[in-house]
Amino acid sequence: MNQFKQNPCIDHWNVAIRILRYHKKALGQGLLYEDKGNTQIFGYCDVDWAGSPMDKCSTTRYCVFFGGNIISWKSKEQNVVAQSSTEVECRAMTSFTCELTWEKQFLQELDFY
């Protein structure tokens, strides 16, 4: 479902609601999200430059937190070989910023933020 975040349709929304309903019914059997008294959204991003020994592509990694609880994470090899560490960092931060923006808008639609 992660691949459809930029252009979701009604079927994707229905799947998301189904997953949330499942988690609501399965209390105590999954991840614990505590109310820590804040609604701050933040995250961390990291990248390695030419870390793949096979194709010299870099890997972008990030995680997003809401209220101190992790809500999203990703580790993905970039699809191009970068010429510099600055280029790698810019690509990673662009991807990370898009994710933060999407998460914030999604939480606003759910009236959590």
PDB file of N, CA and C in Angstrom:
ATOM      1  N   MET A   1       0.819  -1.179   0.000  1.00  0.00           N
ATOM      2  CA  MET A   1       0.000   0.000   0.000  1.00  0.00           C
ATOM      3  C   MET A   1       0.872   1.256   0.000  1.00  0.00           C
ATOM      4  N   ASN A   2       2.061   1.145   0.478  1.00  0.00           N
ATOM      5  CA  ASN A   2       2.958   2.290   0.559  1.00  0.00           C
ATOM      6  C   ASN A   2       3.220   2.917  -0.813  1.00  0.00           C
ATOM      7  N   GLN A   3       3.197   2.118  -1.866  1.00  0.00           N
ATOM      8  CA  GLN A   3       3.502   2.632  -3.193  1.00  0.00           C
ATOM      9  C   GLN A   3       2.406   3.513  -3.768  1.00  0.00           C
ATOM     10  N   PHE A   4       1.209   3.529  -3.155  1.00  0.00           N
ATOM     11  CA  PHE A   4       0.096   4.316  -3.661  1.00  0.00           C
ATOM     12  C   PHE A   4      -0.164   5.584  -2.860  1.00  0.00           C
ATOM     13  N   LYS A   5       0.756   5.950  -1.988  1.00  0.00           N
ATOM     14  CA  LYS A   5       0.529   7.112  -1.118  1.00  0.00           C
ATOM     15  C   LYS A   5       0.379   8.406  -1.895  1.00  0.00           C
ATOM     16  N   GLN A   6       1.057   8.560  -3.006  1.00  0.00           N
ATOM     17  CA  GLN A   6       1.005   9.810  -3.763  1.00  0.00           C
ATOM     18  C   GLN A   6      -0.281   9.949  -4.569  1.00  0.00           C
ATOM     19  N   ASN A   7      -0.937   8.836  -4.901  1.00  0.00           N
ATOM     20  CA  ASN A   7      -2.140   8.891  -5.710  1.00  0.00           C
ATOM     21  C   ASN A   7      -3.130   7.821  -5.244  1.00  0.00           C
ATOM     22  N   PRO A   8      -3.674   7.950  -4.024  1.00  0.00           N
ATOM     23  CA  PRO A   8      -4.576   6.922  -3.504  1.00  0.00           C
ATOM     24  C   PRO A   8      -5.958   7.001  -4.147  1.00  0.00           C
ATOM     25  N   CYS A   9      -6.663   5.891  -4.125  1.00  0.00           N
ATOM     26  CA  CYS A   9      -8.051   5.876  -4.590  1.00  0.00           C
ATOM     27  C   CYS A   9      -8.921   5.314  -3.465  1.00  0.00           C
ATOM     28  N   ILE A  10     -10.202   5.188  -3.712  1.00  0.00           N
ATOM     29  CA  ILE A  10     -11.147   4.756  -2.675  1.00  0.00           C
ATOM     30  C   ILE A  10     -10.816   3.354  -2.149  1.00  0.00           C
ATOM     31  N   ASP A  11     -10.325   2.483  -3.019  1.00  0.00           N
ATOM     32  CA  ASP A  11      -9.950   1.134  -2.571  1.00  0.00           C
ATOM     33  C   ASP A  11      -8.813   1.182  -1.548  1.00  0.00           C
ATOM     34  N   HIS A  12      -7.857   2.079  -1.755  1.00  0.00           N
ATOM     35  CA  HIS A  12      -6.750   2.218  -0.810  1.00  0.00           C
ATOM     36  C   HIS A  12      -7.262   2.737   0.530  1.00  0.00           C
ATOM     37  N   TRP A  13      -8.164   3.697   0.488  1.00  0.00           N
ATOM     38  CA  TRP A  13      -8.754   4.229   1.732  1.00  0.00           C
ATOM     39  C   TRP A  13      -9.482   3.109   2.472  1.00  0.00           C
ATOM     40  N   ASN A  14     -10.251   2.293   1.752  1.00  0.00           N
ATOM     41  CA  ASN A  14     -10.984   1.199   2.389  1.00  0.00           C
ATOM     42  C   ASN A  14     -10.041   0.194   3.043  1.00  0.00           C
ATOM     43  N   VAL A  15      -8.925  -0.088   2.396  1.00  0.00           N
ATOM     44  CA  VAL A  15      -7.935  -1.000   2.982  1.00  0.00           C
ATOM     45  C   VAL A  15      -7.341  -0.389   4.252  1.00  0.00           C
ATOM     46  N   ALA A  16      -7.024   0.910   4.214  1.00  0.00           N
ATOM     47  CA  ALA A  16      -6.471   1.581   5.394  1.00  0.00           C
ATOM     48  C   ALA A  16      -7.460   1.522   6.556  1.00  0.00           C
ATOM     49  N   ILE A  17      -8.728   1.781   6.299  1.00  0.00           N
ATOM     50  CA  ILE A  17      -9.760   1.709   7.347  1.00  0.00           C
ATOM     51  C   ILE A  17      -9.874   0.287   7.875  1.00  0.00           C
ATOM     52  N   ARG A  18      -9.815  -0.690   7.000  1.00  0.00           N
ATOM     53  CA  ARG A  18      -9.883  -2.095   7.422  1.00  0.00           C
ATOM     54  C   ARG A  18      -8.730  -2.451   8.348  1.00  0.00           C
ATOM     55  N   ILE A  19      -7.538  -1.988   8.009  1.00  0.00           N
ATOM     56  CA  ILE A  19      -6.368  -2.243   8.856  1.00  0.00           C
ATOM     57  C   ILE A  19      -6.540  -1.584  10.220  1.00  0.00           C
ATOM     58  N   LEU A  20      -7.017  -0.344  10.241  1.00  0.00           N
ATOM     59  CA  LEU A  20      -7.238   0.346  11.520  1.00  0.00           C
ATOM     60  C   LEU A  20      -8.292  -0.362  12.361  1.00  0.00           C
ATOM     61  N   ARG A  21      -9.363  -0.844  11.732  1.00  0.00           N
ATOM     62  CA  ARG A  21     -10.396  -1.598  12.471  1.00  0.00           C
ATOM     63  C   ARG A  21      -9.831  -2.890  13.045  1.00  0.00           C
ATOM     64  N   TYR A  22      -8.988  -3.563  12.272  1.00  0.00           N
ATOM     65  CA  TYR A  22      -8.350  -4.781  12.751  1.00  0.00           C
ATOM     66  C   TYR A  22      -7.517  -4.495  13.996  1.00  0.00           C
ATOM     67  N   HIS A  23      -6.712  -3.445  13.926  1.00  0.00           N
ATOM     68  CA  HIS A  23      -5.867  -3.101  15.071  1.00  0.00           C
ATOM     69  C   HIS A  23      -6.704  -2.725  16.285  1.00  0.00           C
ATOM     70  N   LYS A  24      -7.827  -2.088  16.067  1.00  0.00           N
ATOM     71  CA  LYS A  24      -8.714  -1.717  17.175  1.00  0.00           C
ATOM     72  C   LYS A  24      -9.259  -2.966  17.864  1.00  0.00           C
ATOM     73  N   LYS A  25      -9.592  -3.984  17.095  1.00  0.00           N
ATOM     74  CA  LYS A  25     -10.142  -5.229  17.649  1.00  0.00           C
ATOM     75  C   LYS A  25      -9.060  -6.116  18.275  1.00  0.00           C
ATOM     76  N   ALA A  26      -7.809  -5.936  17.861  1.00  0.00           N
ATOM     77  CA  ALA A  26      -6.725  -6.801  18.316  1.00  0.00           C
ATOM     78  C   ALA A  26      -5.870  -6.101  19.368  1.00  0.00           C
ATOM     79  N   LEU A  27      -6.498  -5.385  20.275  1.00  0.00           N
ATOM     80  CA  LEU A  27      -5.750  -4.682  21.317  1.00  0.00           C
ATOM     81  C   LEU A  27      -4.913  -5.650  22.135  1.00  0.00           C
ATOM     82  N   GLY A  28      -3.707  -5.260  22.438  1.00  0.00           N
ATOM     83  CA  GLY A  28      -2.820  -6.100  23.228  1.00  0.00           C
ATOM     84  C   GLY A  28      -2.064  -7.127  22.407  1.00  0.00           C
ATOM     85  N   GLN A  29      -2.322  -7.182  21.107  1.00  0.00           N
ATOM     86  CA  GLN A  29      -1.656  -8.171  20.262  1.00  0.00           C
ATOM     87  C   GLN A  29      -0.785  -7.527  19.191  1.00  0.00           C
ATOM     88  N   GLY A  30      -0.538  -6.258  19.297  1.00  0.00           N
ATOM     89  CA  GLY A  30       0.246  -5.583  18.276  1.00  0.00           C
ATOM     90  C   GLY A  30       1.159  -4.544  18.887  1.00  0.00           C
ATOM     91  N   LEU A  31       1.405  -3.505  18.159  1.00  0.00           N
ATOM     92  CA  LEU A  31       2.245  -2.421  18.630  1.00  0.00           C
ATOM     93  C   LEU A  31       1.488  -1.551  19.625  1.00  0.00           C
ATOM     94  N   LEU A  32       2.177  -1.089  20.635  1.00  0.00           N
ATOM     95  CA  LEU A  32       1.567  -0.218  21.633  1.00  0.00           C
ATOM     96  C   LEU A  32       1.908   1.223  21.301  1.00  0.00           C
ATOM     97  N   TYR A  33       0.880   2.012  21.092  1.00  0.00           N
ATOM     98  CA  TYR A  33       1.049   3.437  20.841  1.00  0.00           C
ATOM     99  C   TYR A  33       0.503   4.179  22.046  1.00  0.00           C
ATOM    100  N   GLU A  34       1.404   4.776  22.797  1.00  0.00           N
ATOM    101  CA  GLU A  34       1.025   5.455  24.027  1.00  0.00           C
ATOM    102  C   GLU A  34       0.737   6.927  23.771  1.00  0.00           C
ATOM    103  N   ASP A  35      -0.191   7.465  24.548  1.00  0.00           N
ATOM    104  CA  ASP A  35      -0.443   8.906  24.522  1.00  0.00           C
ATOM    105  C   ASP A  35       0.590   9.550  25.432  1.00  0.00           C
ATOM    106  N   LYS A  36       1.577  10.167  24.828  1.00  0.00           N
ATOM    107  CA  LYS A  36       2.659  10.769  25.596  1.00  0.00           C
ATOM    108  C   LYS A  36       2.466  12.262  25.790  1.00  0.00           C
ATOM    109  N   GLY A  37       1.250  12.738  25.503  1.00  0.00           N
ATOM    110  CA  GLY A  37       0.915  14.121  25.796  1.00  0.00           C
ATOM    111  C   GLY A  37       1.324  15.138  24.751  1.00  0.00           C
ATOM    112  N   ASN A  38       1.778  14.684  23.593  1.00  0.00           N
ATOM    113  CA  ASN A  38       2.089  15.657  22.547  1.00  0.00           C
ATOM    114  C   ASN A  38       1.652  15.112  21.191  1.00  0.00           C
ATOM    115  N   THR A  39       1.552  16.012  20.241  1.00  0.00           N
ATOM    116  CA  THR A  39       1.166  15.622  18.887  1.00  0.00           C
ATOM    117  C   THR A  39       2.218  16.086  17.889  1.00  0.00           C
ATOM    118  N   GLN A  40       3.444  16.086  18.316  1.00  0.00           N
ATOM    119  CA  GLN A  40       4.539  16.516  17.456  1.00  0.00           C
ATOM    120  C   GLN A  40       4.880  15.409  16.461  1.00  0.00           C
ATOM    121  N   ILE A  41       5.071  15.790  15.211  1.00  0.00           N
ATOM    122  CA  ILE A  41       5.518  14.838  14.203  1.00  0.00           C
ATOM    123  C   ILE A  41       6.968  15.172  13.856  1.00  0.00           C
ATOM    124  N   PHE A  42       7.824  14.163  13.904  1.00  0.00           N
ATOM    125  CA  PHE A  42       9.245  14.370  13.624  1.00  0.00           C
ATOM    126  C   PHE A  42       9.847  13.067  13.113  1.00  0.00           C
ATOM    127  N   GLY A  43      11.078  13.137  12.655  1.00  0.00           N
ATOM    128  CA  GLY A  43      11.699  11.933  12.159  1.00  0.00           C
ATOM    129  C   GLY A  43      13.201  12.066  12.041  1.00  0.00           C
ATOM    130  N   TYR A  44      13.805  10.981  11.630  1.00  0.00           N
ATOM    131  CA  TYR A  44      15.247  10.909  11.440  1.00  0.00           C
ATOM    132  C   TYR A  44      15.521  10.315  10.066  1.00  0.00           C
ATOM    133  N   CYS A  45      16.567  10.818   9.440  1.00  0.00           N
ATOM    134  CA  CYS A  45      16.933  10.363   8.101  1.00  0.00           C
ATOM    135  C   CYS A  45      18.431  10.063   8.070  1.00  0.00           C
ATOM    136  N   ASP A  46      18.797   9.009   7.346  1.00  0.00           N
ATOM    137  CA  ASP A  46      20.198   8.647   7.203  1.00  0.00           C
ATOM    138  C   ASP A  46      20.390   8.065   5.805  1.00  0.00           C
ATOM    139  N   VAL A  47      21.610   8.145   5.321  1.00  0.00           N
ATOM    140  CA  VAL A  47      21.912   7.623   3.996  1.00  0.00           C
ATOM    141  C   VAL A  47      23.370   7.154   3.976  1.00  0.00           C
ATOM    142  N   ASP A  48      23.626   6.126   3.189  1.00  0.00           N
ATOM    143  CA  ASP A  48      25.018   5.735   2.965  1.00  0.00           C
ATOM    144  C   ASP A  48      25.352   5.982   1.507  1.00  0.00           C
ATOM    145  N   TRP A  49      26.526   6.466   1.250  1.00  0.00           N
ATOM    146  CA  TRP A  49      26.937   6.820  -0.108  1.00  0.00           C
ATOM    147  C   TRP A  49      27.619   5.625  -0.749  1.00  0.00           C
ATOM    148  N   ALA A  50      27.043   5.149  -1.844  1.00  0.00           N
ATOM    149  CA  ALA A  50      27.585   4.020  -2.609  1.00  0.00           C
ATOM    150  C   ALA A  50      27.797   2.798  -1.722  1.00  0.00           C
ATOM    151  N   GLY A  51      26.827   2.544  -0.861  1.00  0.00           N
ATOM    152  CA  GLY A  51      26.966   1.451   0.101  1.00  0.00           C
ATOM    153  C   GLY A  51      26.771   0.065  -0.474  1.00  0.00           C
ATOM    154  N   SER A  52      26.092  -0.044  -1.604  1.00  0.00           N
ATOM    155  CA  SER A  52      25.867  -1.352  -2.202  1.00  0.00           C
ATOM    156  C   SER A  52      27.111  -1.794  -2.978  1.00  0.00           C
ATOM    157  N   PRO A  53      27.722  -2.903  -2.595  1.00  0.00           N
ATOM    158  CA  PRO A  53      28.939  -3.341  -3.293  1.00  0.00           C
ATOM    159  C   PRO A  53      28.669  -3.815  -4.723  1.00  0.00           C
ATOM    160  N   MET A  54      27.434  -4.185  -5.030  1.00  0.00           N
ATOM    161  CA  MET A  54      27.095  -4.697  -6.359  1.00  0.00           C
ATOM    162  C   MET A  54      26.975  -3.588  -7.397  1.00  0.00           C
ATOM    163  N   ASP A  55      26.218  -2.527  -7.064  1.00  0.00           N
ATOM    164  CA  ASP A  55      25.946  -1.500  -8.068  1.00  0.00           C
ATOM    165  C   ASP A  55      26.324  -0.087  -7.635  1.00  0.00           C
ATOM    166  N   LYS A  56      26.908   0.043  -6.464  1.00  0.00           N
ATOM    167  CA  LYS A  56      27.365   1.333  -5.922  1.00  0.00           C
ATOM    168  C   LYS A  56      26.243   2.342  -5.688  1.00  0.00           C
ATOM    169  N   CYS A  57      24.994   1.867  -5.592  1.00  0.00           N
ATOM    170  CA  CYS A  57      23.879   2.757  -5.268  1.00  0.00           C
ATOM    171  C   CYS A  57      23.850   3.019  -3.763  1.00  0.00           C
ATOM    172  N   SER A  58      23.319   4.134  -3.394  1.00  0.00           N
ATOM    173  CA  SER A  58      23.204   4.515  -1.991  1.00  0.00           C
ATOM    174  C   SER A  58      21.858   4.056  -1.443  1.00  0.00           C
ATOM    175  N   THR A  59      21.769   3.944  -0.123  1.00  0.00           N
ATOM    176  CA  THR A  59      20.529   3.523   0.517  1.00  0.00           C
ATOM    177  C   THR A  59      20.018   4.641   1.420  1.00  0.00           C
ATOM    178  N   THR A  60      18.747   4.997   1.226  1.00  0.00           N
ATOM    179  CA  THR A  60      18.074   5.986   2.055  1.00  0.00           C
ATOM    180  C   THR A  60      17.314   5.260   3.150  1.00  0.00           C
ATOM    181  N   ARG A  61      17.438   5.747   4.372  1.00  0.00           N
ATOM    182  CA  ARG A  61      16.708   5.174   5.509  1.00  0.00           C
ATOM    183  C   ARG A  61      16.097   6.314   6.307  1.00  0.00           C
ATOM    184  N   TYR A  62      14.842   6.149   6.725  1.00  0.00           N
ATOM    185  CA  TYR A  62      14.248   7.150   7.612  1.00  0.00           C
ATOM    186  C   TYR A  62      13.133   6.528   8.439  1.00  0.00           C
ATOM    187  N   CYS A  63      12.794   7.203   9.510  1.00  0.00           N
ATOM    188  CA  CYS A  63      11.668   6.814  10.343  1.00  0.00           C
ATOM    189  C   CYS A  63      10.937   8.080  10.776  1.00  0.00           C
ATOM    190  N   VAL A  64       9.620   7.969  10.920  1.00  0.00           N
ATOM    191  CA  VAL A  64       8.765   9.091  11.286  1.00  0.00           C
ATOM    192  C   VAL A  64       8.050   8.744  12.583  1.00  0.00           C
ATOM    193  N   PHE A  65       8.015   9.713  13.496  1.00  0.00           N
ATOM    194  CA  PHE A  65       7.355   9.548  14.783  1.00  0.00           C
ATOM    195  C   PHE A  65       6.212  10.541  14.918  1.00  0.00           C
ATOM    196  N   PHE A  66       5.156  10.120  15.589  1.00  0.00           N
ATOM    197  CA  PHE A  66       4.043  10.999  15.935  1.00  0.00           C
ATOM    198  C   PHE A  66       3.760  10.826  17.419  1.00  0.00           C
ATOM    199  N   GLY A  67       3.900  11.913  18.159  1.00  0.00           N
ATOM    200  CA  GLY A  67       3.674  11.830  19.598  1.00  0.00           C
ATOM    201  C   GLY A  67       4.626  10.887  20.296  1.00  0.00           C
ATOM    202  N   GLY A  68       5.822  10.720  19.775  1.00  0.00           N
ATOM    203  CA  GLY A  68       6.813   9.839  20.379  1.00  0.00           C
ATOM    204  C   GLY A  68       6.697   8.379  19.954  1.00  0.00           C
ATOM    205  N   ASN A  69       5.725   8.046  19.102  1.00  0.00           N
ATOM    206  CA  ASN A  69       5.517   6.679  18.631  1.00  0.00           C
ATOM    207  C   ASN A  69       5.868   6.591  17.149  1.00  0.00           C
ATOM    208  N   ILE A  70       6.565   5.544  16.773  1.00  0.00           N
ATOM    209  CA  ILE A  70       6.931   5.387  15.367  1.00  0.00           C
ATOM    210  C   ILE A  70       5.696   5.036  14.557  1.00  0.00           C
ATOM    211  N   ILE A  71       5.521   5.725  13.414  1.00  0.00           N
ATOM    212  CA  ILE A  71       4.365   5.462  12.565  1.00  0.00           C
ATOM    213  C   ILE A  71       4.762   5.082  11.138  1.00  0.00           C
ATOM    214  N   SER A  72       6.006   5.317  10.769  1.00  0.00           N
ATOM    215  CA  SER A  72       6.437   5.008   9.409  1.00  0.00           C
ATOM    216  C   SER A  72       7.954   4.856   9.372  1.00  0.00           C
ATOM    217  N   TRP A  73       8.429   3.958   8.507  1.00  0.00           N
ATOM    218  CA  TRP A  73       9.866   3.809   8.333  1.00  0.00           C
ATOM    219  C   TRP A  73      10.119   3.272   6.930  1.00  0.00           C
ATOM    220  N   LYS A  74      11.323   3.486   6.459  1.00  0.00           N
ATOM    221  CA  LYS A  74      11.661   3.046   5.111  1.00  0.00           C
ATOM    222  C   LYS A  74      13.164   2.862   4.987  1.00  0.00           C
ATOM    223  N   SER A  75      13.545   1.891   4.236  1.00  0.00           N
ATOM    224  CA  SER A  75      14.934   1.669   3.849  1.00  0.00           C
ATOM    225  C   SER A  75      14.892   1.234   2.390  1.00  0.00           C
ATOM    226  N   LYS A  76      15.423   2.088   1.508  1.00  0.00           N
ATOM    227  CA  LYS A  76      15.332   1.794   0.086  1.00  0.00           C
ATOM    228  C   LYS A  76      16.598   2.241  -0.635  1.00  0.00           C
ATOM    229  N   GLU A  77      17.052   1.384  -1.521  1.00  0.00           N
ATOM    230  CA  GLU A  77      18.208   1.722  -2.341  1.00  0.00           C
ATOM    231  C   GLU A  77      17.786   2.760  -3.381  1.00  0.00           C
ATOM    232  N   GLN A  78      18.588   3.797  -3.526  1.00  0.00           N
ATOM    233  CA  GLN A  78      18.297   4.808  -4.526  1.00  0.00           C
ATOM    234  C   GLN A  78      18.492   4.197  -5.909  1.00  0.00           C
ATOM    235  N   ASN A  79      17.729   4.691  -6.893  1.00  0.00           N
ATOM    236  CA  ASN A  79      17.748   4.049  -8.209  1.00  0.00           C
ATOM    237  C   ASN A  79      18.808   4.601  -9.163  1.00  0.00           C
ATOM    238  N   VAL A  80      19.646   5.516  -8.692  1.00  0.00           N
ATOM    239  CA  VAL A  80      20.732   6.044  -9.516  1.00  0.00           C
ATOM    240  C   VAL A  80      22.030   6.039  -8.708  1.00  0.00           C
ATOM    241  N   VAL A  81      23.136   6.019  -9.408  1.00  0.00           N
ATOM    242  CA  VAL A  81      24.439   6.131  -8.751  1.00  0.00           C
ATOM    243  C   VAL A  81      24.761   7.613  -8.623  1.00  0.00           C
ATOM    244  N   ALA A  82      24.969   8.070  -7.405  1.00  0.00           N
ATOM    245  CA  ALA A  82      25.223   9.493  -7.156  1.00  0.00           C
ATOM    246  C   ALA A  82      26.697   9.821  -7.391  1.00  0.00           C
ATOM    247  N   GLN A  83      26.931  11.057  -7.793  1.00  0.00           N
ATOM    248  CA  GLN A  83      28.291  11.515  -8.054  1.00  0.00           C
ATOM    249  C   GLN A  83      28.967  12.099  -6.814  1.00  0.00           C
ATOM    250  N   SER A  84      28.161  12.415  -5.792  1.00  0.00           N
ATOM    251  CA  SER A  84      28.739  13.001  -4.578  1.00  0.00           C
ATOM    252  C   SER A  84      27.862  12.670  -3.375  1.00  0.00           C
ATOM    253  N   SER A  85      28.438  12.833  -2.185  1.00  0.00           N
ATOM    254  CA  SER A  85      27.667  12.602  -0.965  1.00  0.00           C
ATOM    255  C   SER A  85      26.573  13.667  -0.810  1.00  0.00           C
ATOM    256  N   THR A  86      26.824  14.866  -1.332  1.00  0.00           N
ATOM    257  CA  THR A  86      25.813  15.927  -1.268  1.00  0.00           C
ATOM    258  C   THR A  86      24.590  15.542  -2.092  1.00  0.00           C
ATOM    259  N   GLU A  87      24.794  14.989  -3.257  1.00  0.00           N
ATOM    260  CA  GLU A  87      23.681  14.545  -4.095  1.00  0.00           C
ATOM    261  C   GLU A  87      22.875  13.459  -3.389  1.00  0.00           C
ATOM    262  N   VAL A  88      23.554  12.538  -2.745  1.00  0.00           N
ATOM    263  CA  VAL A  88      22.890  11.462  -2.009  1.00  0.00           C
ATOM    264  C   VAL A  88      22.044  12.037  -0.881  1.00  0.00           C
ATOM    265  N   GLU A  89      22.623  12.967  -0.128  1.00  0.00           N
ATOM    266  CA  GLU A  89      21.900  13.582   0.989  1.00  0.00           C
ATOM    267  C   GLU A  89      20.674  14.351   0.497  1.00  0.00           C
ATOM    268  N   CYS A  90      20.816  15.070  -0.613  1.00  0.00           N
ATOM    269  CA  CYS A  90      19.681  15.833  -1.160  1.00  0.00           C
ATOM    270  C   CYS A  90      18.552  14.905  -1.595  1.00  0.00           C
ATOM    271  N   ARG A  91      18.893  13.812  -2.242  1.00  0.00           N
ATOM    272  CA  ARG A  91      17.869  12.848  -2.658  1.00  0.00           C
ATOM    273  C   ARG A  91      17.164  12.248  -1.438  1.00  0.00           C
ATOM    274  N   ALA A  92      17.929  11.904  -0.424  1.00  0.00           N
ATOM    275  CA  ALA A  92      17.351  11.317   0.781  1.00  0.00           C
ATOM    276  C   ALA A  92      16.443  12.316   1.501  1.00  0.00           C
ATOM    277  N   MET A  93      16.899  13.551   1.639  1.00  0.00           N
ATOM    278  CA  MET A  93      16.101  14.559   2.332  1.00  0.00           C
ATOM    279  C   MET A  93      14.831  14.905   1.552  1.00  0.00           C
ATOM    280  N   THR A  94      14.902  14.869   0.226  1.00  0.00           N
ATOM    281  CA  THR A  94      13.702  15.107  -0.584  1.00  0.00           C
ATOM    282  C   THR A  94      12.672  14.019  -0.336  1.00  0.00           C
ATOM    283  N   SER A  95      13.106  12.787  -0.349  1.00  0.00           N
ATOM    284  CA  SER A  95      12.204  11.667  -0.087  1.00  0.00           C
ATOM    285  C   SER A  95      11.631  11.748   1.328  1.00  0.00           C
ATOM    286  N   PHE A  96      12.478  12.061   2.287  1.00  0.00           N
ATOM    287  CA  PHE A  96      12.068  12.160   3.683  1.00  0.00           C
ATOM    288  C   PHE A  96      11.071  13.304   3.887  1.00  0.00           C
ATOM    289  N   THR A  97      11.318  14.448   3.259  1.00  0.00           N
ATOM    290  CA  THR A  97      10.415  15.591   3.383  1.00  0.00           C
ATOM    291  C   THR A  97       9.044  15.284   2.774  1.00  0.00           C
ATOM    292  N   CYS A  98       9.042  14.585   1.654  1.00  0.00           N
ATOM    293  CA  CYS A  98       7.771  14.166   1.050  1.00  0.00           C
ATOM    294  C   CYS A  98       6.994  13.257   2.004  1.00  0.00           C
ATOM    295  N   GLU A  99       7.702  12.336   2.641  1.00  0.00           N
ATOM    296  CA  GLU A  99       7.053  11.432   3.593  1.00  0.00           C
ATOM    297  C   GLU A  99       6.476  12.205   4.785  1.00  0.00           C
ATOM    298  N   LEU A 100       7.265  13.121   5.348  1.00  0.00           N
ATOM    299  CA  LEU A 100       6.770  13.916   6.481  1.00  0.00           C
ATOM    300  C   LEU A 100       5.542  14.730   6.093  1.00  0.00           C
ATOM    301  N   THR A 101       5.567  15.322   4.912  1.00  0.00           N
ATOM    302  CA  THR A 101       4.433  16.117   4.440  1.00  0.00           C
ATOM    303  C   THR A 101       3.200  15.245   4.270  1.00  0.00           C
ATOM    304  N   TRP A 102       3.376  14.081   3.681  1.00  0.00           N
ATOM    305  CA  TRP A 102       2.243  13.174   3.491  1.00  0.00           C
ATOM    306  C   TRP A 102       1.674  12.712   4.834  1.00  0.00           C
ATOM    307  N   GLU A 103       2.556  12.315   5.748  1.00  0.00           N
ATOM    308  CA  GLU A 103       2.103  11.861   7.069  1.00  0.00           C
ATOM    309  C   GLU A 103       1.336  12.966   7.788  1.00  0.00           C
ATOM    310  N   LYS A 104       1.832  14.192   7.738  1.00  0.00           N
ATOM    311  CA  LYS A 104       1.159  15.311   8.398  1.00  0.00           C
ATOM    312  C   LYS A 104      -0.228  15.531   7.799  1.00  0.00           C
ATOM    313  N   GLN A 105      -0.332  15.522   6.479  1.00  0.00           N
ATOM    314  CA  GLN A 105      -1.629  15.711   5.831  1.00  0.00           C
ATOM    315  C   GLN A 105      -2.583  14.570   6.172  1.00  0.00           C
ATOM    316  N   PHE A 106      -2.071  13.349   6.212  1.00  0.00           N
ATOM    317  CA  PHE A 106      -2.897  12.195   6.558  1.00  0.00           C
ATOM    318  C   PHE A 106      -3.423  12.308   7.989  1.00  0.00           C
ATOM    319  N   LEU A 107      -2.554  12.671   8.917  1.00  0.00           N
ATOM    320  CA  LEU A 107      -2.978  12.834  10.303  1.00  0.00           C
ATOM    321  C   LEU A 107      -3.977  13.974  10.453  1.00  0.00           C
ATOM    322  N   GLN A 108      -3.836  15.029   9.660  1.00  0.00           N
ATOM    323  CA  GLN A 108      -4.800  16.119   9.686  1.00  0.00           C
ATOM    324  C   GLN A 108      -6.163  15.640   9.188  1.00  0.00           C
ATOM    325  N   GLU A 109      -6.194  14.817   8.148  1.00  0.00           N
ATOM    326  CA  GLU A 109      -7.443  14.279   7.636  1.00  0.00           C
ATOM    327  C   GLU A 109      -8.135  13.389   8.665  1.00  0.00           C
ATOM    328  N   LEU A 110      -7.350  12.721   9.488  1.00  0.00           N
ATOM    329  CA  LEU A 110      -7.919  11.864  10.544  1.00  0.00           C
ATOM    330  C   LEU A 110      -8.218  12.647  11.822  1.00  0.00           C
ATOM    331  N   ASP A 111      -7.985  13.955  11.796  1.00  0.00           N
ATOM    332  CA  ASP A 111      -8.180  14.854  12.957  1.00  0.00           C
ATOM    333  C   ASP A 111      -7.308  14.479  14.152  1.00  0.00           C
ATOM    334  N   PHE A 112      -6.103  13.970  13.877  1.00  0.00           N
ATOM    335  CA  PHE A 112      -5.153  13.681  14.934  1.00  0.00           C
ATOM    336  C   PHE A 112      -4.167  14.813  15.120  1.00  0.00           C
ATOM    337  N   TYR A 113      -4.028  15.675  14.121  1.00  0.00           N
ATOM    338  CA  TYR A 113      -2.981  16.691  14.138  1.00  0.00           C
ATOM    339  C   TYR A 113      -3.568  18.008  13.743  1.00  0.00           C
TER     340      TYR A 113
END
